[in-house]
N, C-alpha and C. Protein backbone atom coordinates (compact mmCIF):
# COMPACT_ATOMS: atom_id res chain seq x y z
N MET A 1 3.61 36.57 17.26
CA MET A 1 3.49 36.73 18.36
C MET A 1 4.74 37.89 19.08
N ALA A 2 4.14 38.70 19.66
CA ALA A 2 5.12 39.89 19.84
C ALA A 2 6.02 39.62 21.04
N LEU A 3 7.42 40.45 21.07
CA LEU A 3 8.12 40.51 21.98
C LEU A 3 7.77 40.73 23.22
N THR A 4 8.19 40.47 24.37
CA THR A 4 7.88 40.86 25.57
C THR A 4 7.91 42.62 25.52
N ASP A 5 7.24 43.08 26.43
CA ASP A 5 6.81 44.75 26.41
C ASP A 5 7.04 45.24 27.63
N PRO A 6 8.01 46.36 27.86
CA PRO A 6 8.82 46.88 27.00
C PRO A 6 10.03 46.26 26.37
N GLN A 7 10.72 46.39 25.14
CA GLN A 7 12.08 46.09 25.13
C GLN A 7 12.93 47.27 25.63
N SER A 8 14.36 47.12 25.69
CA SER A 8 15.30 47.89 25.72
C SER A 8 16.41 47.71 25.11
N ILE A 9 17.04 48.95 24.85
CA ILE A 9 18.32 49.07 24.04
C ILE A 9 19.23 50.11 24.35
N ASP A 10 20.73 49.91 24.54
CA ASP A 10 21.76 50.63 24.88
C ASP A 10 22.38 51.16 23.37
N ILE A 11 22.23 52.32 23.13
CA ILE A 11 23.21 52.56 21.95
C ILE A 11 24.26 53.80 22.33
N GLY A 12 24.73 53.44 23.85
CA GLY A 12 25.40 54.00 24.15
C GLY A 12 25.72 55.27 25.25
N ALA A 13 24.09 55.24 25.49
CA ALA A 13 24.19 56.27 26.72
C ALA A 13 23.17 55.82 28.01
N GLY A 14 23.45 54.24 27.88
CA GLY A 14 22.66 53.47 28.97
C GLY A 14 21.28 53.42 28.17
N ALA A 15 20.63 52.44 28.82
CA ALA A 15 19.47 51.52 28.53
C ALA A 15 18.36 52.18 28.29
N ILE A 16 17.74 52.42 27.36
CA ILE A 16 16.45 52.82 27.04
C ILE A 16 15.31 52.00 26.50
N SER A 17 13.88 52.49 27.40
CA SER A 17 13.09 51.66 27.22
C SER A 17 12.30 51.91 26.22
N LEU A 18 11.74 50.79 25.38
CA LEU A 18 11.05 50.85 24.25
C LEU A 18 9.80 50.20 24.45
N PRO A 19 8.82 51.02 24.88
CA PRO A 19 7.53 50.25 24.99
C PRO A 19 6.49 49.91 23.68
N ARG A 20 5.74 48.80 23.23
CA ARG A 20 5.17 48.44 22.31
C ARG A 20 4.52 49.77 21.61
N THR A 21 4.27 50.13 20.58
CA THR A 21 3.45 51.09 20.03
C THR A 21 2.75 50.40 19.06
N VAL A 22 3.17 49.30 18.40
CA VAL A 22 2.47 48.90 17.28
C VAL A 22 2.54 47.50 17.23
N THR A 23 1.47 46.56 16.84
CA THR A 23 1.32 45.34 16.64
C THR A 23 0.41 45.34 15.11
N LYS A 24 0.97 44.72 14.50
CA LYS A 24 0.04 44.67 13.16
C LYS A 24 0.44 43.15 12.49
N GLY A 25 -0.08 42.20 12.40
CA GLY A 25 0.07 40.73 12.11
C GLY A 25 1.65 40.30 12.38
N ALA A 26 2.45 40.13 11.55
CA ALA A 26 3.69 39.73 11.93
C ALA A 26 5.15 40.81 12.09
N GLU A 27 4.14 42.19 12.24
CA GLU A 27 5.46 43.13 12.66
C GLU A 27 5.07 43.59 13.83
N SER A 28 5.91 43.85 14.73
CA SER A 28 5.84 44.78 16.02
C SER A 28 6.69 45.94 16.02
N SER A 29 6.56 47.08 16.82
CA SER A 29 7.18 48.20 16.76
C SER A 29 7.12 48.64 18.26
N TYR A 30 8.56 49.25 18.68
CA TYR A 30 8.83 49.67 20.22
C TYR A 30 9.32 50.67 19.84
N THR A 31 8.82 51.72 20.88
CA THR A 31 9.27 53.00 20.43
C THR A 31 9.62 53.94 22.08
N SER A 32 10.61 54.78 22.11
CA SER A 32 10.93 55.41 23.14
C SER A 32 10.05 56.41 23.64
N ALA A 33 9.88 57.13 24.81
CA ALA A 33 8.97 57.87 25.30
C ALA A 33 9.18 59.33 24.18
N ASP A 34 10.29 59.62 24.22
CA ASP A 34 10.28 60.74 23.16
C ASP A 34 10.26 60.85 21.58
N GLY A 35 9.88 59.50 21.29
CA GLY A 35 9.77 58.91 19.61
C GLY A 35 11.20 58.97 18.67
N THR A 36 12.45 59.08 19.74
CA THR A 36 13.41 59.29 18.91
C THR A 36 13.83 57.74 18.57
N ILE A 37 13.71 56.74 19.25
CA ILE A 37 13.94 55.45 18.59
C ILE A 37 12.72 54.35 18.33
N THR A 38 13.15 53.90 17.21
CA THR A 38 12.41 52.96 17.40
C THR A 38 12.97 51.43 16.67
N LEU A 39 12.44 50.30 17.38
CA LEU A 39 13.12 49.08 17.09
C LEU A 39 11.55 48.47 16.30
N THR A 40 11.79 47.61 15.16
CA THR A 40 11.03 47.09 14.59
C THR A 40 11.34 45.61 14.14
N LEU A 41 10.44 44.57 14.41
CA LEU A 41 10.78 43.51 13.98
C LEU A 41 9.71 43.05 13.21
N SER A 42 10.10 42.08 11.97
CA SER A 42 8.76 41.88 11.22
C SER A 42 9.21 40.90 10.60
N THR A 43 8.20 39.82 10.04
CA THR A 43 8.65 38.57 9.21
C THR A 43 7.39 38.61 7.99
N VAL A 44 7.82 38.53 7.04
CA VAL A 44 6.82 38.20 5.56
C VAL A 44 7.71 37.22 4.72
N VAL A 45 6.49 35.98 4.81
CA VAL A 45 6.60 34.93 4.05
C VAL A 45 6.13 35.02 2.80
N GLY A 46 6.43 34.46 1.77
CA GLY A 46 6.07 34.41 0.07
C GLY A 46 6.99 33.28 -0.12
N LYS A 47 7.65 33.15 -1.38
CA LYS A 47 8.43 32.53 -2.08
C LYS A 47 9.71 32.15 -1.09
N ARG A 48 9.98 33.31 -0.22
CA ARG A 48 11.18 33.03 0.72
C ARG A 48 10.57 33.69 2.01
N LYS A 49 11.14 33.41 2.90
CA LYS A 49 10.81 33.85 4.74
C LYS A 49 12.08 34.93 4.78
N ARG A 50 11.61 36.36 5.05
CA ARG A 50 12.37 37.37 5.11
C ARG A 50 11.82 37.76 6.70
N GLN A 51 12.95 37.88 7.27
CA GLN A 51 12.81 38.46 8.93
C GLN A 51 13.55 39.77 8.98
N VAL A 52 13.32 40.97 9.69
CA VAL A 52 14.00 41.86 9.53
C VAL A 52 13.77 42.47 10.82
N ILE A 53 15.00 43.00 11.81
CA ILE A 53 15.24 43.66 12.95
C ILE A 53 15.60 44.64 12.60
N ARG A 54 15.16 46.01 13.32
CA ARG A 54 15.55 47.43 12.31
C ARG A 54 15.34 48.39 13.75
N VAL A 55 16.57 49.14 13.79
CA VAL A 55 16.48 50.28 14.66
C VAL A 55 16.44 51.61 13.81
N ASP A 56 15.30 52.14 14.08
CA ASP A 56 15.36 53.90 13.48
C ASP A 56 15.71 55.03 14.79
N VAL A 57 16.87 55.75 14.36
CA VAL A 57 17.08 56.91 15.46
C VAL A 57 17.02 58.30 14.72
N THR A 58 16.07 59.14 15.60
CA THR A 58 16.17 60.54 15.05
C THR A 58 16.66 61.45 15.89
N LYS A 59 17.61 62.36 15.62
CA LYS A 59 18.23 63.53 16.61
C LYS A 59 18.15 64.51 15.71
N ILE A 60 18.62 65.90 16.49
CA ILE A 60 18.32 67.08 15.91
C ILE A 60 20.00 67.55 16.12
N THR A 61 20.51 68.25 14.92
CA THR A 61 21.79 68.60 14.64
C THR A 61 21.94 69.47 13.75
N SER A 62 23.11 70.50 13.93
CA SER A 62 23.25 71.55 13.19
C SER A 62 22.93 71.37 11.70
N ASP A 63 22.36 72.28 10.97
CA ASP A 63 22.03 71.98 9.56
C ASP A 63 23.28 72.43 8.49
N PRO A 64 24.08 71.51 7.96
CA PRO A 64 25.57 71.96 7.61
C PRO A 64 25.37 72.85 6.38
N PHE A 65 24.10 73.05 5.81
CA PHE A 65 24.18 74.17 5.01
C PHE A 65 23.75 75.92 5.62
N ILE A 66 23.08 75.55 6.68
CA ILE A 66 22.66 76.78 7.33
C ILE A 66 23.09 76.61 8.76
N PRO A 67 24.35 76.59 9.19
CA PRO A 67 24.90 76.72 10.85
C PRO A 67 24.36 76.86 11.69
N THR A 68 23.63 78.14 11.43
CA THR A 68 22.77 79.10 12.60
C THR A 68 21.49 78.11 13.01
N GLN A 69 20.86 77.04 12.09
CA GLN A 69 19.83 76.57 12.43
C GLN A 69 19.92 74.90 12.49
N ASN A 70 19.09 74.51 13.21
CA ASN A 70 18.96 73.21 13.59
C ASN A 70 18.16 72.03 12.74
N THR A 71 18.57 71.00 12.09
CA THR A 71 17.70 70.37 11.69
C THR A 71 17.40 68.62 11.96
N SER A 72 16.43 68.10 11.82
CA SER A 72 16.18 66.76 12.21
C SER A 72 16.73 65.80 11.05
N VAL A 73 17.44 64.57 11.43
CA VAL A 73 18.49 63.87 10.83
C VAL A 73 17.88 62.44 11.39
N SER A 74 17.77 61.49 10.33
CA SER A 74 17.40 60.08 11.08
C SER A 74 18.36 59.20 10.20
N MET A 75 18.67 57.95 10.95
CA MET A 75 19.55 56.87 10.70
C MET A 75 18.88 55.48 10.94
N SER A 76 18.81 54.52 9.86
CA SER A 76 18.57 53.34 10.00
C SER A 76 19.93 52.12 10.23
N THR A 77 19.49 51.15 11.22
CA THR A 77 20.38 50.07 10.88
C THR A 77 19.34 48.74 10.96
N TYR A 78 19.46 47.77 10.15
CA TYR A 78 18.74 46.48 10.16
C TYR A 78 19.68 45.29 10.07
N ILE A 79 18.82 44.28 10.27
CA ILE A 79 19.59 43.13 9.83
C ILE A 79 18.28 42.33 9.32
N VAL A 80 18.79 41.62 7.91
CA VAL A 80 17.60 41.16 7.14
C VAL A 80 18.10 39.35 7.17
N ILE A 81 17.44 38.87 7.38
CA ILE A 81 17.53 37.44 7.39
C ILE A 81 16.67 36.89 6.32
N ASP A 82 17.20 36.42 4.88
CA ASP A 82 16.22 35.82 4.03
C ASP A 82 16.58 34.55 3.86
N ARG A 83 15.66 33.94 3.82
CA ARG A 83 15.72 32.24 3.35
C ARG A 83 14.57 31.46 2.87
N PRO A 84 14.87 30.53 2.16
CA PRO A 84 13.94 29.86 1.27
C PRO A 84 13.17 29.06 2.56
N PRO A 85 11.99 28.66 1.91
CA PRO A 85 10.99 27.81 2.83
C PRO A 85 11.59 26.75 3.63
N ALA A 86 12.44 26.12 2.94
CA ALA A 86 13.09 24.45 3.44
C ALA A 86 14.80 24.73 3.17
N GLY A 87 15.22 24.04 4.12
CA GLY A 87 16.78 24.15 3.80
C GLY A 87 17.34 24.79 5.18
N PHE A 88 17.39 25.47 5.45
CA PHE A 88 17.84 26.33 6.73
C PHE A 88 16.96 26.23 7.96
N GLU A 89 16.84 25.62 8.78
CA GLU A 89 16.25 25.78 9.82
C GLU A 89 16.47 26.80 11.08
N ASN A 90 15.85 27.31 11.93
CA ASN A 90 16.03 28.30 12.73
C ASN A 90 17.33 28.29 13.38
N THR A 91 17.59 27.06 13.89
CA THR A 91 19.17 26.85 14.44
C THR A 91 20.16 27.27 13.40
N ASP A 92 19.89 26.70 11.94
CA ASP A 92 21.12 27.22 11.41
C ASP A 92 20.95 28.85 10.97
N ALA A 93 20.36 29.61 10.85
CA ALA A 93 19.84 30.87 10.73
C ALA A 93 20.42 31.57 11.92
N LEU A 94 20.02 30.82 12.87
CA LEU A 94 20.75 31.53 14.49
C LEU A 94 22.18 31.66 14.06
N ALA A 95 22.62 30.38 13.95
CA ALA A 95 24.38 30.05 13.87
C ALA A 95 25.01 31.30 13.31
N ILE A 96 24.54 31.22 11.76
CA ILE A 96 24.70 32.09 10.99
C ILE A 96 25.07 33.47 11.58
N LEU A 97 23.59 34.17 11.93
CA LEU A 97 23.33 35.46 12.59
C LEU A 97 24.45 35.73 13.55
N GLU A 98 24.57 34.63 14.42
CA GLU A 98 25.60 35.03 15.51
C GLU A 98 27.06 35.01 15.20
N GLY A 99 27.31 34.05 13.84
CA GLY A 99 28.47 34.14 13.50
C GLY A 99 28.74 35.58 12.78
N LEU A 100 28.07 36.43 12.24
CA LEU A 100 28.18 37.51 11.62
C LEU A 100 28.33 38.74 12.82
N LEU A 101 27.64 38.36 13.89
CA LEU A 101 27.52 39.22 14.49
C LEU A 101 28.97 39.26 15.54
N THR A 102 29.61 37.88 15.74
CA THR A 102 30.87 37.75 16.34
C THR A 102 31.79 38.34 15.42
N LEU A 103 31.45 37.96 14.43
CA LEU A 103 33.19 38.36 13.33
C LEU A 103 32.73 40.23 13.13
N GLY A 104 31.67 41.00 13.42
CA GLY A 104 31.76 41.88 13.34
C GLY A 104 32.29 42.83 14.75
N LYS A 105 31.97 42.07 15.88
CA LYS A 105 32.78 42.48 17.26
C LYS A 105 33.97 42.24 17.34
N ALA A 106 34.65 41.21 16.71
CA ALA A 106 35.74 40.59 17.03
C ALA A 106 36.73 41.93 17.08
N GLY A 107 37.76 41.84 18.03
CA GLY A 107 38.75 42.75 18.03
C GLY A 107 38.10 44.27 18.03
N THR A 108 37.29 44.47 18.93
CA THR A 108 37.00 45.81 19.44
C THR A 108 36.05 46.38 18.56
N SER A 109 35.14 45.61 17.71
CA SER A 109 34.43 45.91 16.46
C SER A 109 34.94 46.25 15.51
N LYS A 110 36.37 45.89 15.06
CA LYS A 110 37.12 46.22 13.98
C LYS A 110 36.32 45.97 12.71
N VAL A 111 35.79 44.96 12.10
CA VAL A 111 35.16 44.60 11.06
C VAL A 111 34.08 45.83 10.80
N PHE A 112 33.27 46.25 11.81
CA PHE A 112 32.28 47.30 11.85
C PHE A 112 32.97 48.48 11.69
N LYS A 113 34.02 48.87 12.26
CA LYS A 113 34.62 50.06 12.24
C LYS A 113 35.13 50.12 11.02
N GLN A 114 35.73 49.34 10.16
CA GLN A 114 36.26 49.52 8.73
C GLN A 114 35.24 49.44 8.13
N LEU A 115 33.85 49.05 8.17
CA LEU A 115 32.71 49.08 7.27
C LEU A 115 32.47 50.60 7.42
N LEU A 116 32.24 50.86 8.42
CA LEU A 116 31.90 52.39 8.38
C LEU A 116 32.74 53.60 8.23
N GLY A 117 33.79 52.85 7.76
CA GLY A 117 35.23 53.79 7.32
C GLY A 117 34.97 53.63 5.67
N SER A 118 33.93 52.78 4.95
CA SER A 118 34.04 52.55 3.76
C SER A 118 34.94 51.73 3.26
N GLU A 119 35.59 50.77 4.01
CA GLU A 119 36.35 49.74 3.45
C GLU A 119 35.44 48.42 3.26
N SER A 120 36.02 47.77 2.32
CA SER A 120 35.28 46.49 1.97
C SER A 120 36.45 45.58 1.67
């Protein structure tokens, strides 16, 4: 079942509307009007249940090798929940996911900032 349409995301410049663009089985994608931001949610069930929420962002920036030219670059950020078919219910997975996000956001996103600074 797909999420409500459209979805909305704020990546620092205000909320951006993401209308649904693809629904295929257990995967849905939501893309901004200009095509630069895509939110994808998917579930794959096999020996384990793997669920992914992913944001892909594309932008134009100066080419580091040819500074007088611009180039398209992209970045992806995603969370993968990988669990066995039994033993971790949705409430368990949600508690772990919320704990991870809370850890990352604690102290003005200190852990996220350290990770992006290549600290471990």
